[in-house]
Amino acid sequence: MAERRAGVRSVTDWIKKTWHIYTMEYYAAIKKDEFVSFVGTWMQLETIILSKLSQEQKSKHRMFSLIGGN
C-alpha cells in the first residue's frame, strides 16, 4: 500500500511540476505575443494530465475491486 501511495504522490508531483513549467511558458508567451502557438502546447498538456488522472482512477478502481471481491 505504501508503494501505491508513493506512486500516486509521484504522479501528483509530476503533474504539479509540469503544470508549473507550462504556466511559466504561458506567461513568457504572453509577453512575446506568442499566445496562439502556445495554445496547442497547453492543449497537449491538458490531454496528458487527463490521461494520467484517468490511469490513476482506473488503477484505484481495480485495486478496490480486488479488495472488495467484485
PDB file of N, CA and C in Angstrom:
ATOM      1  N   MET A   1       0.824  -1.197   0.000  1.00  0.00           N
ATOM      2  CA  MET A   1       0.000   0.000   0.000  1.00  0.00           C
ATOM      3  C   MET A   1       0.868   1.261   0.000  1.00  0.00           C
ATOM      4  N   ALA A   2       1.962   1.213   0.770  1.00  0.00           N
ATOM      5  CA  ALA A   2       2.862   2.370   0.805  1.00  0.00           C
ATOM      6  C   ALA A   2       3.464   2.626  -0.572  1.00  0.00           C
ATOM      7  N   GLU A   3       3.769   1.548  -1.301  1.00  0.00           N
ATOM      8  CA  GLU A   3       4.300   1.704  -2.657  1.00  0.00           C
ATOM      9  C   GLU A   3       3.273   2.382  -3.552  1.00  0.00           C
ATOM     10  N   ARG A   4       2.016   2.033  -3.378  1.00  0.00           N
ATOM     11  CA  ARG A   4       0.939   2.616  -4.184  1.00  0.00           C
ATOM     12  C   ARG A   4       0.830   4.107  -3.898  1.00  0.00           C
ATOM     13  N   ARG A   5       0.891   4.467  -2.615  1.00  0.00           N
ATOM     14  CA  ARG A   5       0.827   5.890  -2.255  1.00  0.00           C
ATOM     15  C   ARG A   5       2.006   6.643  -2.849  1.00  0.00           C
ATOM     16  N   ALA A   6       3.169   6.025  -2.828  1.00  0.00           N
ATOM     17  CA  ALA A   6       4.350   6.661  -3.412  1.00  0.00           C
ATOM     18  C   ALA A   6       4.139   6.891  -4.903  1.00  0.00           C
ATOM     19  N   GLY A   7       3.504   5.939  -5.576  1.00  0.00           N
ATOM     20  CA  GLY A   7       3.221   6.096  -6.999  1.00  0.00           C
ATOM     21  C   GLY A   7       2.252   7.230  -7.268  1.00  0.00           C
ATOM     22  N   VAL A   8       1.224   7.334  -6.435  1.00  0.00           N
ATOM     23  CA  VAL A   8       0.250   8.424  -6.580  1.00  0.00           C
ATOM     24  C   VAL A   8       0.928   9.753  -6.310  1.00  0.00           C
ATOM     25  N   ARG A   9       1.773   9.779  -5.267  1.00  0.00           N
ATOM     26  CA  ARG A   9       2.497  11.010  -4.954  1.00  0.00           C
ATOM     27  C   ARG A   9       3.400  11.403  -6.108  1.00  0.00           C
ATOM     28  N   SER A  10       4.078  10.446  -6.705  1.00  0.00           N
ATOM     29  CA  SER A  10       4.989  10.781  -7.794  1.00  0.00           C
ATOM     30  C   SER A  10       4.223  11.323  -9.001  1.00  0.00           C
ATOM     31  N   VAL A  11       3.060  10.774  -9.294  1.00  0.00           N
ATOM     32  CA  VAL A  11       2.234  11.290 -10.390  1.00  0.00           C
ATOM     33  C   VAL A  11       1.748  12.691 -10.046  1.00  0.00           C
ATOM     34  N   THR A  12       1.309  12.881  -8.811  1.00  0.00           N
ATOM     35  CA  THR A  12       0.841  14.200  -8.373  1.00  0.00           C
ATOM     36  C   THR A  12       1.970  15.216  -8.459  1.00  0.00           C
ATOM     37  N   ASP A  13       3.148  14.848  -7.988  1.00  0.00           N
ATOM     38  CA  ASP A  13       4.299  15.748  -8.065  1.00  0.00           C
ATOM     39  C   ASP A  13       4.648  16.060  -9.513  1.00  0.00           C
ATOM     40  N   TRP A  14       4.576  15.045 -10.388  1.00  0.00           N
ATOM     41  CA  TRP A  14       4.871  15.253 -11.803  1.00  0.00           C
ATOM     42  C   TRP A  14       3.876  16.238 -12.411  1.00  0.00           C
ATOM     43  N   ILE A  15       2.595  16.068 -12.079  1.00  0.00           N
ATOM     44  CA  ILE A  15       1.564  16.963 -12.611  1.00  0.00           C
ATOM     45  C   ILE A  15       1.815  18.388 -12.138  1.00  0.00           C
ATOM     46  N   LYS A  16       2.102  18.561 -10.847  1.00  0.00           N
ATOM     47  CA  LYS A  16       2.366  19.904 -10.312  1.00  0.00           C
ATOM     48  C   LYS A  16       3.570  20.540 -10.992  1.00  0.00           C
ATOM     49  N   LYS A  17       4.644  19.762 -11.158  1.00  0.00           N
ATOM     50  CA  LYS A  17       5.853  20.277 -11.791  1.00  0.00           C
ATOM     51  C   LYS A  17       5.576  20.659 -13.241  1.00  0.00           C
ATOM     52  N   THR A  18       4.895  19.779 -13.970  1.00  0.00           N
ATOM     53  CA  THR A  18       4.575  20.044 -15.369  1.00  0.00           C
ATOM     54  C   THR A  18       3.665  21.260 -15.491  1.00  0.00           C
ATOM     55  N   TRP A  19       2.677  21.347 -14.614  1.00  0.00           N
ATOM     56  CA  TRP A  19       1.757  22.490 -14.618  1.00  0.00           C
ATOM     57  C   TRP A  19       2.529  23.785 -14.393  1.00  0.00           C
ATOM     58  N   HIS A  20       3.463  23.778 -13.459  1.00  0.00           N
ATOM     59  CA  HIS A  20       4.270  24.963 -13.174  1.00  0.00           C
ATOM     60  C   HIS A  20       5.089  25.368 -14.400  1.00  0.00           C
ATOM     61  N   ILE A  21       5.720  24.391 -15.033  1.00  0.00           N
ATOM     62  CA  ILE A  21       6.538  24.679 -16.212  1.00  0.00           C
ATOM     63  C   ILE A  21       5.690  25.306 -17.314  1.00  0.00           C
ATOM     64  N   TYR A  22       4.535  24.724 -17.591  1.00  0.00           N
ATOM     65  CA  TYR A  22       3.686  25.255 -18.656  1.00  0.00           C
ATOM     66  C   TYR A  22       3.092  26.609 -18.285  1.00  0.00           C
ATOM     67  N   THR A  23       2.838  26.828 -16.999  1.00  0.00           N
ATOM     68  CA  THR A  23       2.344  28.138 -16.570  1.00  0.00           C
ATOM     69  C   THR A  23       3.404  29.203 -16.831  1.00  0.00           C
ATOM     70  N   MET A  24       4.650  28.892 -16.509  1.00  0.00           N
ATOM     71  CA  MET A  24       5.736  29.838 -16.767  1.00  0.00           C
ATOM     72  C   MET A  24       5.877  30.090 -18.266  1.00  0.00           C
ATOM     73  N   GLU A  25       5.761  29.040 -19.069  1.00  0.00           N
ATOM     74  CA  GLU A  25       5.831  29.207 -20.525  1.00  0.00           C
ATOM     75  C   GLU A  25       4.668  30.053 -21.034  1.00  0.00           C
ATOM     76  N   TYR A  26       3.503  29.875 -20.422  1.00  0.00           N
ATOM     77  CA  TYR A  26       2.321  30.642 -20.804  1.00  0.00           C
ATOM     78  C   TYR A  26       2.576  32.135 -20.620  1.00  0.00           C
ATOM     79  N   TYR A  27       3.074  32.511 -19.439  1.00  0.00           N
ATOM     80  CA  TYR A  27       3.320  33.927 -19.181  1.00  0.00           C
ATOM     81  C   TYR A  27       4.435  34.474 -20.061  1.00  0.00           C
ATOM     82  N   ALA A  28       5.439  33.661 -20.335  1.00  0.00           N
ATOM     83  CA  ALA A  28       6.504  34.092 -21.242  1.00  0.00           C
ATOM     84  C   ALA A  28       5.947  34.293 -22.650  1.00  0.00           C
ATOM     85  N   ALA A  29       5.051  33.407 -23.068  1.00  0.00           N
ATOM     86  CA  ALA A  29       4.454  33.512 -24.405  1.00  0.00           C
ATOM     87  C   ALA A  29       3.597  34.763 -24.524  1.00  0.00           C
ATOM     88  N   ILE A  30       2.861  35.083 -23.469  1.00  0.00           N
ATOM     89  CA  ILE A  30       2.030  36.292 -23.499  1.00  0.00           C
ATOM     90  C   ILE A  30       2.911  37.525 -23.669  1.00  0.00           C
ATOM     91  N   LYS A  31       4.018  37.545 -22.952  1.00  0.00           N
ATOM     92  CA  LYS A  31       4.925  38.687 -23.059  1.00  0.00           C
ATOM     93  C   LYS A  31       5.474  38.824 -24.477  1.00  0.00           C
ATOM     94  N   LYS A  32       5.627  37.709 -25.163  1.00  0.00           N
ATOM     95  CA  LYS A  32       6.187  37.724 -26.512  1.00  0.00           C
ATOM     96  C   LYS A  32       5.105  37.691 -27.591  1.00  0.00           C
ATOM     97  N   ASP A  33       3.855  37.805 -27.197  1.00  0.00           N
ATOM     98  CA  ASP A  33       2.729  37.738 -28.137  1.00  0.00           C
ATOM     99  C   ASP A  33       2.733  36.440 -28.943  1.00  0.00           C
ATOM    100  N   GLU A  34       3.110  35.365 -28.306  1.00  0.00           N
ATOM    101  CA  GLU A  34       3.117  34.061 -28.963  1.00  0.00           C
ATOM    102  C   GLU A  34       1.990  33.193 -28.423  1.00  0.00           C
ATOM    103  N   PHE A  35       0.922  33.812 -28.008  1.00  0.00           N
ATOM    104  CA  PHE A  35      -0.161  33.091 -27.345  1.00  0.00           C
ATOM    105  C   PHE A  35      -0.755  31.997 -28.225  1.00  0.00           C
ATOM    106  N   VAL A  36      -0.965  32.280 -29.491  1.00  0.00           N
ATOM    107  CA  VAL A  36      -1.629  31.327 -30.379  1.00  0.00           C
ATOM    108  C   VAL A  36      -0.833  30.028 -30.491  1.00  0.00           C
ATOM    109  N   SER A  37       0.469  30.111 -30.647  1.00  0.00           N
ATOM    110  CA  SER A  37       1.272  28.892 -30.757  1.00  0.00           C
ATOM    111  C   SER A  37       1.318  28.145 -29.430  1.00  0.00           C
ATOM    112  N   PHE A  38       1.174  28.872 -28.340  1.00  0.00           N
ATOM    113  CA  PHE A  38       1.224  28.236 -27.031  1.00  0.00           C
ATOM    114  C   PHE A  38      -0.041  27.443 -26.736  1.00  0.00           C
ATOM    115  N   VAL A  39      -1.170  27.860 -27.292  1.00  0.00           N
ATOM    116  CA  VAL A  39      -2.440  27.185 -27.025  1.00  0.00           C
ATOM    117  C   VAL A  39      -2.356  25.703 -27.390  1.00  0.00           C
ATOM    118  N   GLY A  40      -1.718  25.376 -28.502  1.00  0.00           N
ATOM    119  CA  GLY A  40      -1.565  23.975 -28.900  1.00  0.00           C
ATOM    120  C   GLY A  40      -0.795  23.180 -27.862  1.00  0.00           C
ATOM    121  N   THR A  41       0.268  23.757 -27.346  1.00  0.00           N
ATOM    122  CA  THR A  41       1.060  23.096 -26.307  1.00  0.00           C
ATOM    123  C   THR A  41       0.226  22.911 -25.049  1.00  0.00           C
ATOM    124  N   TRP A  42      -0.533  23.928 -24.687  1.00  0.00           N
ATOM    125  CA  TRP A  42      -1.380  23.865 -23.491  1.00  0.00           C
ATOM    126  C   TRP A  42      -2.425  22.753 -23.625  1.00  0.00           C
ATOM    127  N   MET A  43      -3.001  22.621 -24.799  1.00  0.00           N
ATOM    128  CA  MET A  43      -3.993  21.574 -25.023  1.00  0.00           C
ATOM    129  C   MET A  43      -3.355  20.193 -24.895  1.00  0.00           C
ATOM    130  N   GLN A  44      -2.128  20.054 -25.370  1.00  0.00           N
ATOM    131  CA  GLN A  44      -1.421  18.780 -25.222  1.00  0.00           C
ATOM    132  C   GLN A  44      -1.194  18.467 -23.747  1.00  0.00           C
ATOM    133  N   LEU A  45      -0.829  19.470 -22.965  1.00  0.00           N
ATOM    134  CA  LEU A  45      -0.632  19.277 -21.530  1.00  0.00           C
ATOM    135  C   LEU A  45      -1.921  18.810 -20.878  1.00  0.00           C
ATOM    136  N   GLU A  46      -3.025  19.440 -21.225  1.00  0.00           N
ATOM    137  CA  GLU A  46      -4.315  19.061 -20.657  1.00  0.00           C
ATOM    138  C   GLU A  46      -4.632  17.599 -20.978  1.00  0.00           C
ATOM    139  N   THR A  47      -4.380  17.187 -22.212  1.00  0.00           N
ATOM    140  CA  THR A  47      -4.626  15.802 -22.616  1.00  0.00           C
ATOM    141  C   THR A  47      -3.763  14.836 -21.808  1.00  0.00           C
ATOM    142  N   ILE A  48      -2.499  15.173 -21.629  1.00  0.00           N
ATOM    143  CA  ILE A  48      -1.585  14.313 -20.864  1.00  0.00           C
ATOM    144  C   ILE A  48      -2.037  14.198 -19.418  1.00  0.00           C
ATOM    145  N   ILE A  49      -2.386  15.317 -18.799  1.00  0.00           N
ATOM    146  CA  ILE A  49      -2.812  15.299 -17.395  1.00  0.00           C
ATOM    147  C   ILE A  49      -4.085  14.483 -17.239  1.00  0.00           C
ATOM    148  N   LEU A  50      -5.054  14.692 -18.117  1.00  0.00           N
ATOM    149  CA  LEU A  50      -6.301  13.937 -18.023  1.00  0.00           C
ATOM    150  C   LEU A  50      -6.051  12.448 -18.219  1.00  0.00           C
ATOM    151  N   SER A  51      -5.133  12.111 -19.109  1.00  0.00           N
ATOM    152  CA  SER A  51      -4.791  10.709 -19.328  1.00  0.00           C
ATOM    153  C   SER A  51      -4.168  10.101 -18.075  1.00  0.00           C
ATOM    154  N   LYS A  52      -3.243  10.821 -17.447  1.00  0.00           N
ATOM    155  CA  LYS A  52      -2.591  10.330 -16.225  1.00  0.00           C
ATOM    156  C   LYS A  52      -3.614  10.155 -15.113  1.00  0.00           C
ATOM    157  N   LEU A  53      -4.498  11.142 -14.960  1.00  0.00           N
ATOM    158  CA  LEU A  53      -5.519  11.049 -13.916  1.00  0.00           C
ATOM    159  C   LEU A  53      -6.457   9.883 -14.180  1.00  0.00           C
ATOM    160  N   SER A  54      -6.808   9.676 -15.438  1.00  0.00           N
ATOM    161  CA  SER A  54      -7.681   8.571 -15.804  1.00  0.00           C
ATOM    162  C   SER A  54      -7.020   7.239 -15.476  1.00  0.00           C
ATOM    163  N   GLN A  55      -5.729   7.119 -15.767  1.00  0.00           N
ATOM    164  CA  GLN A  55      -4.996   5.893 -15.456  1.00  0.00           C
ATOM    165  C   GLN A  55      -4.992   5.643 -13.952  1.00  0.00           C
ATOM    166  N   GLU A  56      -4.805   6.699 -13.164  1.00  0.00           N
ATOM    167  CA  GLU A  56      -4.795   6.558 -11.706  1.00  0.00           C
ATOM    168  C   GLU A  56      -6.162   6.105 -11.205  1.00  0.00           C
ATOM    169  N   GLN A  57      -7.231   6.676 -11.758  1.00  0.00           N
ATOM    170  CA  GLN A  57      -8.578   6.292 -11.338  1.00  0.00           C
ATOM    171  C   GLN A  57      -8.850   4.829 -11.681  1.00  0.00           C
ATOM    172  N   LYS A  58      -8.419   4.396 -12.870  1.00  0.00           N
ATOM    173  CA  LYS A  58      -8.614   3.001 -13.270  1.00  0.00           C
ATOM    174  C   LYS A  58      -7.852   2.069 -12.334  1.00  0.00           C
ATOM    175  N   SER A  59      -6.639   2.459 -11.965  1.00  0.00           N
ATOM    176  CA  SER A  59      -5.836   1.634 -11.057  1.00  0.00           C
ATOM    177  C   SER A  59      -6.502   1.531  -9.696  1.00  0.00           C
ATOM    178  N   LYS A  60      -7.032   2.651  -9.201  1.00  0.00           N
ATOM    179  CA  LYS A  60      -7.720   2.644  -7.906  1.00  0.00           C
ATOM    180  C   LYS A  60      -8.950   1.749  -7.972  1.00  0.00           C
ATOM    181  N   HIS A  61      -9.692   1.841  -9.066  1.00  0.00           N
ATOM    182  CA  HIS A  61     -10.899   1.034  -9.220  1.00  0.00           C
ATOM    183  C   HIS A  61     -10.546  -0.449  -9.220  1.00  0.00           C
ATOM    184  N   ARG A  62      -9.492  -0.806  -9.943  1.00  0.00           N
ATOM    185  CA  ARG A  62      -9.063  -2.209  -9.979  1.00  0.00           C
ATOM    186  C   ARG A  62      -8.659  -2.690  -8.596  1.00  0.00           C
ATOM    187  N   MET A  63      -7.937  -1.833  -7.853  1.00  0.00           N
ATOM    188  CA  MET A  63      -7.485  -2.220  -6.523  1.00  0.00           C
ATOM    189  C   MET A  63      -8.682  -2.447  -5.601  1.00  0.00           C
ATOM    190  N   PHE A  64      -9.652  -1.531  -5.637  1.00  0.00           N
ATOM    191  CA  PHE A  64     -10.834  -1.676  -4.787  1.00  0.00           C
ATOM    192  C   PHE A  64     -11.663  -2.887  -5.206  1.00  0.00           C
ATOM    193  N   SER A  65     -11.692  -3.174  -6.502  1.00  0.00           N
ATOM    194  CA  SER A  65     -12.418  -4.351  -6.975  1.00  0.00           C
ATOM    195  C   SER A  65     -11.777  -5.622  -6.442  1.00  0.00           C
ATOM    196  N   LEU A  66     -10.455  -5.658  -6.433  1.00  0.00           N
ATOM    197  CA  LEU A  66      -9.752  -6.831  -5.905  1.00  0.00           C
ATOM    198  C   LEU A  66      -9.977  -6.979  -4.405  1.00  0.00           C
ATOM    199  N   ILE A  67      -9.931  -5.864  -3.691  1.00  0.00           N
ATOM    200  CA  ILE A  67     -10.126  -5.898  -2.237  1.00  0.00           C
ATOM    201  C   ILE A  67     -11.559  -6.276  -1.903  1.00  0.00           C
ATOM    202  N   GLY A  68     -12.510  -5.686  -2.627  1.00  0.00           N
ATOM    203  CA  GLY A  68     -13.925  -5.919  -2.352  1.00  0.00           C
ATOM    204  C   GLY A  68     -14.447  -7.230  -2.903  1.00  0.00           C
ATOM    205  N   GLY A  69     -13.696  -7.867  -3.758  1.00  0.00           N
ATOM    206  CA  GLY A  69     -14.108  -9.145  -4.330  1.00  0.00           C
ATOM    207  C   GLY A  69     -15.103  -9.014  -5.467  1.00  0.00           C
ATOM    208  N   ASN A  70     -15.211  -7.827  -6.060  1.00  0.00           N
ATOM    209  CA  ASN A  70     -16.139  -7.619  -7.185  1.00  0.00           C
ATOM    210  C   ASN A  70     -15.495  -7.977  -8.485  1.00  0.00           C
TER     211      ASN A  70
END
